[in-house]
Amino acid sequence: MPIFEKFFRWLFSARILIRIGGGVLAFVVVAAVLWNAFDVSGHKRWLAWKADWEAKGESFDAASVIPAAISDEENAAK
């Protein structure tokens, strides 16, 4: 049992906890920077792709997909 006790005392010492916390913090910072870089890159690619297709005549507006309202005379559901 003294080996486990010594190991856990070492594992939960202030020096080791600070190192683990620093490693976790560094990982989170690197992940956030990469996430932001890929997000910005993807947004730029989307805007370029959208502009290319809009130049070809496509519309990405939701109003262009929704059909016009039907008058009450033509509406069989009313």
PDB file of N, CA and C in Angstrom:
ATOM      1  N   MET A   1       0.796  -1.220   0.000  1.00  0.00           N
ATOM      2  CA  MET A   1       0.000   0.000   0.000  1.00  0.00           C
ATOM      3  C   MET A   1       0.834   1.278   0.000  1.00  0.00           C
ATOM      4  N   PRO A   2       2.025   1.278   0.532  1.00  0.00           N
ATOM      5  CA  PRO A   2       2.769   2.541   0.526  1.00  0.00           C
ATOM      6  C   PRO A   2       3.100   3.030  -0.883  1.00  0.00           C
ATOM      7  N   ILE A   3       3.184   2.104  -1.864  1.00  0.00           N
ATOM      8  CA  ILE A   3       3.485   2.528  -3.231  1.00  0.00           C
ATOM      9  C   ILE A   3       2.322   3.341  -3.791  1.00  0.00           C
ATOM     10  N   PHE A   4       1.086   2.860  -3.586  1.00  0.00           N
ATOM     11  CA  PHE A   4      -0.085   3.593  -4.074  1.00  0.00           C
ATOM     12  C   PHE A   4      -0.240   4.925  -3.360  1.00  0.00           C
ATOM     13  N   GLU A   5       0.011   4.909  -2.066  1.00  0.00           N
ATOM     14  CA  GLU A   5      -0.102   6.147  -1.298  1.00  0.00           C
ATOM     15  C   GLU A   5       0.909   7.175  -1.792  1.00  0.00           C
ATOM     16  N   LYS A   6       2.125   6.728  -2.055  1.00  0.00           N
ATOM     17  CA  LYS A   6       3.163   7.626  -2.546  1.00  0.00           C
ATOM     18  C   LYS A   6       2.811   8.140  -3.949  1.00  0.00           C
ATOM     19  N   PHE A   7       2.291   7.248  -4.792  1.00  0.00           N
ATOM     20  CA  PHE A   7       1.904   7.640  -6.147  1.00  0.00           C
ATOM     21  C   PHE A   7       0.786   8.675  -6.128  1.00  0.00           C
ATOM     22  N   PHE A   8      -0.253   8.444  -5.324  1.00  0.00           N
ATOM     23  CA  PHE A   8      -1.372   9.389  -5.279  1.00  0.00           C
ATOM     24  C   PHE A   8      -0.958  10.713  -4.648  1.00  0.00           C
ATOM     25  N   ARG A   9      -0.060  10.675  -3.688  1.00  0.00           N
ATOM     26  CA  ARG A   9       0.434  11.919  -3.103  1.00  0.00           C
ATOM     27  C   ARG A   9       1.199  12.710  -4.167  1.00  0.00           C
ATOM     28  N   TRP A  10       1.974  11.994  -5.003  1.00  0.00           N
ATOM     29  CA  TRP A  10       2.700  12.654  -6.083  1.00  0.00           C
ATOM     30  C   TRP A  10       1.733  13.175  -7.155  1.00  0.00           C
ATOM     31  N   LEU A  11       0.734  12.356  -7.516  1.00  0.00           N
ATOM     32  CA  LEU A  11      -0.200  12.711  -8.576  1.00  0.00           C
ATOM     33  C   LEU A  11      -1.012  13.952  -8.228  1.00  0.00           C
ATOM     34  N   PHE A  12      -1.408  14.076  -6.991  1.00  0.00           N
ATOM     35  CA  PHE A  12      -2.240  15.203  -6.575  1.00  0.00           C
ATOM     36  C   PHE A  12      -1.439  16.303  -5.894  1.00  0.00           C
ATOM     37  N   SER A  13      -0.139  16.341  -6.131  1.00  0.00           N
ATOM     38  CA  SER A  13       0.663  17.430  -5.589  1.00  0.00           C
ATOM     39  C   SER A  13       0.395  18.694  -6.406  1.00  0.00           C
ATOM     40  N   ALA A  14       0.703  19.832  -5.827  1.00  0.00           N
ATOM     41  CA  ALA A  14       0.432  21.111  -6.487  1.00  0.00           C
ATOM     42  C   ALA A  14       1.209  21.226  -7.796  1.00  0.00           C
ATOM     43  N   ARG A  15       2.427  20.753  -7.827  1.00  0.00           N
ATOM     44  CA  ARG A  15       3.260  20.855  -9.024  1.00  0.00           C
ATOM     45  C   ARG A  15       2.644  20.077 -10.189  1.00  0.00           C
ATOM     46  N   ILE A  16       2.191  18.869  -9.933  1.00  0.00           N
ATOM     47  CA  ILE A  16       1.614  18.036 -10.988  1.00  0.00           C
ATOM     48  C   ILE A  16       0.255  18.591 -11.419  1.00  0.00           C
ATOM     49  N   LEU A  17      -0.555  19.043 -10.472  1.00  0.00           N
ATOM     50  CA  LEU A  17      -1.858  19.602 -10.831  1.00  0.00           C
ATOM     51  C   LEU A  17      -1.710  20.860 -11.680  1.00  0.00           C
ATOM     52  N   ILE A  18      -0.693  21.675 -11.390  1.00  0.00           N
ATOM     53  CA  ILE A  18      -0.445  22.873 -12.197  1.00  0.00           C
ATOM     54  C   ILE A  18      -0.019  22.475 -13.603  1.00  0.00           C
ATOM     55  N   ARG A  19       0.815  21.449 -13.716  1.00  0.00           N
ATOM     56  CA  ARG A  19       1.241  20.985 -15.040  1.00  0.00           C
ATOM     57  C   ARG A  19       0.065  20.413 -15.831  1.00  0.00           C
ATOM     58  N   ILE A  20      -0.768  19.639 -15.179  1.00  0.00           N
ATOM     59  CA  ILE A  20      -1.945  19.079 -15.858  1.00  0.00           C
ATOM     60  C   ILE A  20      -2.890  20.199 -16.282  1.00  0.00           C
ATOM     61  N   GLY A  21      -3.121  21.153 -15.388  1.00  0.00           N
ATOM     62  CA  GLY A  21      -3.986  22.290 -15.719  1.00  0.00           C
ATOM     63  C   GLY A  21      -3.429  23.112 -16.870  1.00  0.00           C
ATOM     64  N   GLY A  22      -2.118  23.308 -16.882  1.00  0.00           N
ATOM     65  CA  GLY A  22      -1.490  24.041 -17.985  1.00  0.00           C
ATOM     66  C   GLY A  22      -1.625  23.300 -19.302  1.00  0.00           C
ATOM     67  N   GLY A  23      -1.486  21.981 -19.247  1.00  0.00           N
ATOM     68  CA  GLY A  23      -1.650  21.178 -20.462  1.00  0.00           C
ATOM     69  C   GLY A  23      -3.068  21.241 -20.991  1.00  0.00           C
ATOM     70  N   VAL A  24      -4.036  21.156 -20.093  1.00  0.00           N
ATOM     71  CA  VAL A  24      -5.442  21.239 -20.503  1.00  0.00           C
ATOM     72  C   VAL A  24      -5.738  22.626 -21.078  1.00  0.00           C
ATOM     73  N   LEU A  25      -5.229  23.653 -20.437  1.00  0.00           N
ATOM     74  CA  LEU A  25      -5.432  25.018 -20.925  1.00  0.00           C
ATOM     75  C   LEU A  25      -4.801  25.206 -22.304  1.00  0.00           C
ATOM     76  N   ALA A  26      -3.595  24.690 -22.491  1.00  0.00           N
ATOM     77  CA  ALA A  26      -2.934  24.799 -23.794  1.00  0.00           C
ATOM     78  C   ALA A  26      -3.734  24.067 -24.869  1.00  0.00           C
ATOM     79  N   PHE A  27      -4.254  22.888 -24.540  1.00  0.00           N
ATOM     80  CA  PHE A  27      -5.062  22.136 -25.497  1.00  0.00           C
ATOM     81  C   PHE A  27      -6.316  22.911 -25.882  1.00  0.00           C
ATOM     82  N   VAL A  28      -6.982  23.514 -24.904  1.00  0.00           N
ATOM     83  CA  VAL A  28      -8.204  24.271 -25.176  1.00  0.00           C
ATOM     84  C   VAL A  28      -7.899  25.484 -26.056  1.00  0.00           C
ATOM     85  N   VAL A  29      -6.797  26.161 -25.781  1.00  0.00           N
ATOM     86  CA  VAL A  29      -6.436  27.337 -26.580  1.00  0.00           C
ATOM     87  C   VAL A  29      -6.124  26.935 -28.021  1.00  0.00           C
ATOM     88  N   VAL A  30      -5.350  25.868 -28.201  1.00  0.00           N
ATOM     89  CA  VAL A  30      -5.017  25.409 -29.557  1.00  0.00           C
ATOM     90  C   VAL A  30      -6.279  24.969 -30.292  1.00  0.00           C
ATOM     91  N   ALA A  31      -7.166  24.252 -29.599  1.00  0.00           N
ATOM     92  CA  ALA A  31      -8.412  23.807 -30.226  1.00  0.00           C
ATOM     93  C   ALA A  31      -9.270  25.004 -30.635  1.00  0.00           C
ATOM     94  N   ALA A  32      -9.342  26.031 -29.788  1.00  0.00           N
ATOM     95  CA  ALA A  32     -10.144  27.213 -30.116  1.00  0.00           C
ATOM     96  C   ALA A  32      -9.558  27.968 -31.307  1.00  0.00           C
ATOM     97  N   VAL A  33      -8.244  28.074 -31.367  1.00  0.00           N
ATOM     98  CA  VAL A  33      -7.604  28.768 -32.492  1.00  0.00           C
ATOM     99  C   VAL A  33      -7.848  28.005 -33.792  1.00  0.00           C
ATOM    100  N   LEU A  34      -7.692  26.681 -33.755  1.00  0.00           N
ATOM    101  CA  LEU A  34      -7.937  25.881 -34.955  1.00  0.00           C
ATOM    102  C   LEU A  34      -9.401  25.945 -35.375  1.00  0.00           C
ATOM    103  N   TRP A  35     -10.308  25.879 -34.409  1.00  0.00           N
ATOM    104  CA  TRP A  35     -11.741  25.966 -34.704  1.00  0.00           C
ATOM    105  C   TRP A  35     -12.043  27.278 -35.425  1.00  0.00           C
ATOM    106  N   ASN A  36     -11.502  28.365 -34.894  1.00  0.00           N
ATOM    107  CA  ASN A  36     -11.744  29.679 -35.489  1.00  0.00           C
ATOM    108  C   ASN A  36     -11.138  29.760 -36.893  1.00  0.00           C
ATOM    109  N   ALA A  37      -9.949  29.212 -37.074  1.00  0.00           N
ATOM    110  CA  ALA A  37      -9.299  29.255 -38.387  1.00  0.00           C
ATOM    111  C   ALA A  37     -10.119  28.490 -39.420  1.00  0.00           C
ATOM    112  N   PHE A  38     -10.592  27.298 -39.068  1.00  0.00           N
ATOM    113  CA  PHE A  38     -11.398  26.528 -40.010  1.00  0.00           C
ATOM    114  C   PHE A  38     -12.756  27.179 -40.239  1.00  0.00           C
ATOM    115  N   ASP A  39     -13.305  27.823 -39.223  1.00  0.00           N
ATOM    116  CA  ASP A  39     -14.590  28.501 -39.373  1.00  0.00           C
ATOM    117  C   ASP A  39     -14.472  29.671 -40.349  1.00  0.00           C
ATOM    118  N   VAL A  40     -13.433  30.466 -40.204  1.00  0.00           N
ATOM    119  CA  VAL A  40     -13.222  31.606 -41.098  1.00  0.00           C
ATOM    120  C   VAL A  40     -12.953  31.116 -42.516  1.00  0.00           C
ATOM    121  N   SER A  41     -12.135  30.081 -42.641  1.00  0.00           N
ATOM    122  CA  SER A  41     -11.824  29.530 -43.962  1.00  0.00           C
ATOM    123  C   SER A  41     -13.082  28.987 -44.638  1.00  0.00           C
ATOM    124  N   GLY A  42     -13.892  28.259 -43.891  1.00  0.00           N
ATOM    125  CA  GLY A  42     -15.126  27.711 -44.448  1.00  0.00           C
ATOM    126  C   GLY A  42     -16.107  28.793 -44.850  1.00  0.00           C
ATOM    127  N   HIS A  43     -16.181  29.853 -44.050  1.00  0.00           N
ATOM    128  CA  HIS A  43     -17.091  30.954 -44.372  1.00  0.00           C
ATOM    129  C   HIS A  43     -16.658  31.644 -45.667  1.00  0.00           C
ATOM    130  N   LYS A  44     -15.357  31.854 -45.824  1.00  0.00           N
ATOM    131  CA  LYS A  44     -14.865  32.479 -47.055  1.00  0.00           C
ATOM    132  C   LYS A  44     -15.139  31.593 -48.265  1.00  0.00           C
ATOM    133  N   ARG A  45     -14.939  30.286 -48.114  1.00  0.00           N
ATOM    134  CA  ARG A  45     -15.213  29.369 -49.220  1.00  0.00           C
ATOM    135  C   ARG A  45     -16.702  29.355 -49.553  1.00  0.00           C
ATOM    136  N   TRP A  46     -17.572  29.409 -48.532  1.00  0.00           N
ATOM    137  CA  TRP A  46     -19.014  29.439 -48.774  1.00  0.00           C
ATOM    138  C   TRP A  46     -19.403  30.705 -49.528  1.00  0.00           C
ATOM    139  N   LEU A  47     -18.859  31.843 -49.121  1.00  0.00           N
ATOM    140  CA  LEU A  47     -19.192  33.093 -49.806  1.00  0.00           C
ATOM    141  C   LEU A  47     -18.724  33.063 -51.261  1.00  0.00           C
ATOM    142  N   ALA A  48     -17.552  32.502 -51.522  1.00  0.00           N
ATOM    143  CA  ALA A  48     -17.061  32.409 -52.899  1.00  0.00           C
ATOM    144  C   ALA A  48     -17.944  31.475 -53.721  1.00  0.00           C
ATOM    145  N   TRP A  49     -18.323  30.342 -53.148  1.00  0.00           N
ATOM    146  CA  TRP A  49     -19.178  29.387 -53.857  1.00  0.00           C
ATOM    147  C   TRP A  49     -20.552  29.993 -54.130  1.00  0.00           C
ATOM    148  N   LYS A  50     -21.095  30.691 -53.135  1.00  0.00           N
ATOM    149  CA  LYS A  50     -22.406  31.320 -53.288  1.00  0.00           C
ATOM    150  C   LYS A  50     -22.360  32.408 -54.360  1.00  0.00           C
ATOM    151  N   ALA A  51     -21.305  33.222 -54.360  1.00  0.00           N
ATOM    152  CA  ALA A  51     -21.180  34.276 -55.374  1.00  0.00           C
ATOM    153  C   ALA A  51     -21.045  33.676 -56.766  1.00  0.00           C
ATOM    154  N   ASP A  52     -20.329  32.561 -56.873  1.00  0.00           N
ATOM    155  CA  ASP A  52     -20.178  31.896 -58.168  1.00  0.00           C
ATOM    156  C   ASP A  52     -21.528  31.411 -58.685  1.00  0.00           C
ATOM    157  N   TRP A  53     -22.317  30.800 -57.832  1.00  0.00           N
ATOM    158  CA  TRP A  53     -23.622  30.291 -58.269  1.00  0.00           C
ATOM    159  C   TRP A  53     -24.636  31.410 -58.481  1.00  0.00           C
ATOM    160  N   GLU A  54     -24.529  32.491 -57.711  1.00  0.00           N
ATOM    161  CA  GLU A  54     -25.416  33.630 -57.956  1.00  0.00           C
ATOM    162  C   GLU A  54     -25.085  34.282 -59.295  1.00  0.00           C
ATOM    163  N   ALA A  55     -23.817  34.246 -59.681  1.00  0.00           N
ATOM    164  CA  ALA A  55     -23.435  34.776 -60.996  1.00  0.00           C
ATOM    165  C   ALA A  55     -24.001  33.913 -62.118  1.00  0.00           C
ATOM    166  N   LYS A  56     -24.239  32.634 -61.836  1.00  0.00           N
ATOM    167  CA  LYS A  56     -24.833  31.733 -62.825  1.00  0.00           C
ATOM    168  C   LYS A  56     -26.353  31.860 -62.873  1.00  0.00           C
ATOM    169  N   GLY A  57     -26.932  32.636 -61.939  1.00  0.00           N
ATOM    170  CA  GLY A  57     -28.370  32.866 -61.966  1.00  0.00           C
ATOM    171  C   GLY A  57     -29.146  32.191 -60.852  1.00  0.00           C
ATOM    172  N   GLU A  58     -28.491  31.467 -59.975  1.00  0.00           N
ATOM    173  CA  GLU A  58     -29.190  30.820 -58.860  1.00  0.00           C
ATOM    174  C   GLU A  58     -29.477  31.847 -57.767  1.00  0.00           C
ATOM    175  N   SER A  59     -30.545  31.599 -57.004  1.00  0.00           N
ATOM    176  CA  SER A  59     -30.906  32.485 -55.909  1.00  0.00           C
ATOM    177  C   SER A  59     -30.910  31.691 -54.611  1.00  0.00           C
ATOM    178  N   PHE A  60     -30.323  32.252 -53.574  1.00  0.00           N
ATOM    179  CA  PHE A  60     -30.265  31.592 -52.276  1.00  0.00           C
ATOM    180  C   PHE A  60     -31.182  32.268 -51.261  1.00  0.00           C
ATOM    181  N   ASP A  61     -32.110  33.076 -51.741  1.00  0.00           N
ATOM    182  CA  ASP A  61     -33.053  33.761 -50.870  1.00  0.00           C
ATOM    183  C   ASP A  61     -34.222  32.826 -50.583  1.00  0.00           C
ATOM    184  N   ALA A  62     -34.658  32.766 -49.332  1.00  0.00           N
ATOM    185  CA  ALA A  62     -35.767  31.880 -48.964  1.00  0.00           C
ATOM    186  C   ALA A  62     -37.060  32.303 -49.657  1.00  0.00           C
ATOM    187  N   ALA A  63     -37.229  33.574 -49.907  1.00  0.00           N
ATOM    188  CA  ALA A  63     -38.457  34.058 -50.547  1.00  0.00           C
ATOM    189  C   ALA A  63     -38.579  33.551 -51.986  1.00  0.00           C
ATOM    190  N   SER A  64     -37.475  33.239 -52.622  1.00  0.00           N
ATOM    191  CA  SER A  64     -37.547  32.741 -53.996  1.00  0.00           C
ATOM    192  C   SER A  64     -38.004  31.286 -54.047  1.00  0.00           C
ATOM    193  N   VAL A  65     -37.964  30.589 -52.943  1.00  0.00           N
ATOM    194  CA  VAL A  65     -38.359  29.176 -52.893  1.00  0.00           C
ATOM    195  C   VAL A  65     -39.814  29.024 -52.459  1.00  0.00           C
ATOM    196  N   ILE A  66     -40.292  29.934 -51.632  1.00  0.00           N
ATOM    197  CA  ILE A  66     -41.653  29.859 -51.105  1.00  0.00           C
ATOM    198  C   ILE A  66     -42.637  30.299 -52.191  1.00  0.00           C
ATOM    199  N   PRO A  67     -43.658  29.497 -52.458  1.00  0.00           N
ATOM    200  CA  PRO A  67     -44.621  29.883 -53.504  1.00  0.00           C
ATOM    201  C   PRO A  67     -45.477  31.075 -53.058  1.00  0.00           C
ATOM    202  N   ALA A  68     -46.071  31.732 -54.022  1.00  0.00           N
ATOM    203  CA  ALA A  68     -46.921  32.889 -53.736  1.00  0.00           C
ATOM    204  C   ALA A  68     -48.198  32.442 -53.025  1.00  0.00           C
ATOM    205  N   ALA A  69     -48.798  33.348 -52.298  1.00  0.00           N
ATOM    206  CA  ALA A  69     -50.034  33.039 -51.577  1.00  0.00           C
ATOM    207  C   ALA A  69     -51.173  32.791 -52.566  1.00  0.00           C
ATOM    208  N   ILE A  70     -52.042  31.859 -52.209  1.00  0.00           N
ATOM    209  CA  ILE A  70     -53.181  31.510 -53.060  1.00  0.00           C
ATOM    210  C   ILE A  70     -54.388  32.315 -52.591  1.00  0.00           C
ATOM    211  N   SER A  71     -55.139  32.856 -53.531  1.00  0.00           N
ATOM    212  CA  SER A  71     -56.326  33.624 -53.158  1.00  0.00           C
ATOM    213  C   SER A  71     -57.389  32.687 -52.587  1.00  0.00           C
ATOM    214  N   ASP A  72     -58.343  33.251 -51.857  1.00  0.00           N
ATOM    215  CA  ASP A  72     -59.394  32.447 -51.229  1.00  0.00           C
ATOM    216  C   ASP A  72     -60.275  31.742 -52.259  1.00  0.00           C
ATOM    217  N   GLU A  73     -60.446  32.324 -53.432  1.00  0.00           N
ATOM    218  CA  GLU A  73     -61.274  31.692 -54.451  1.00  0.00           C
ATOM    219  C   GLU A  73     -60.626  30.415 -54.991  1.00  0.00           C
ATOM    220  N   GLU A  74     -59.311  30.395 -55.075  1.00  0.00           N
ATOM    221  CA  GLU A  74     -58.600  29.235 -55.606  1.00  0.00           C
ATOM    222  C   GLU A  74     -58.251  28.208 -54.530  1.00  0.00           C
ATOM    223  N   ASN A  75     -58.397  28.573 -53.278  1.00  0.00           N
ATOM    224  CA  ASN A  75     -57.991  27.700 -52.182  1.00  0.00           C
ATOM    225  C   ASN A  75     -59.110  26.714 -51.870  1.00  0.00           C
ATOM    226  N   ALA A  76     -58.897  25.445 -52.140  1.00  0.00           N
ATOM    227  CA  ALA A  76     -59.909  24.418 -51.898  1.00  0.00           C
ATOM    228  C   ALA A  76     -59.969  24.015 -50.431  1.00  0.00           C
ATOM    229  N   ALA A  77     -58.965  24.351 -49.658  1.00  0.00           N
ATOM    230  CA  ALA A  77     -58.940  23.952 -48.255  1.00  0.00           C
ATOM    231  C   ALA A  77     -59.807  24.850 -47.384  1.00  0.00           C
ATOM    232  N   LYS A  78     -60.193  26.007 -47.877  1.00  0.00           N
ATOM    233  CA  LYS A  78     -61.010  26.918 -47.058  1.00  0.00           C
ATOM    234  C   LYS A  78     -62.465  26.739 -47.320  1.00  0.00           C
TER     235      LYS A  78
END
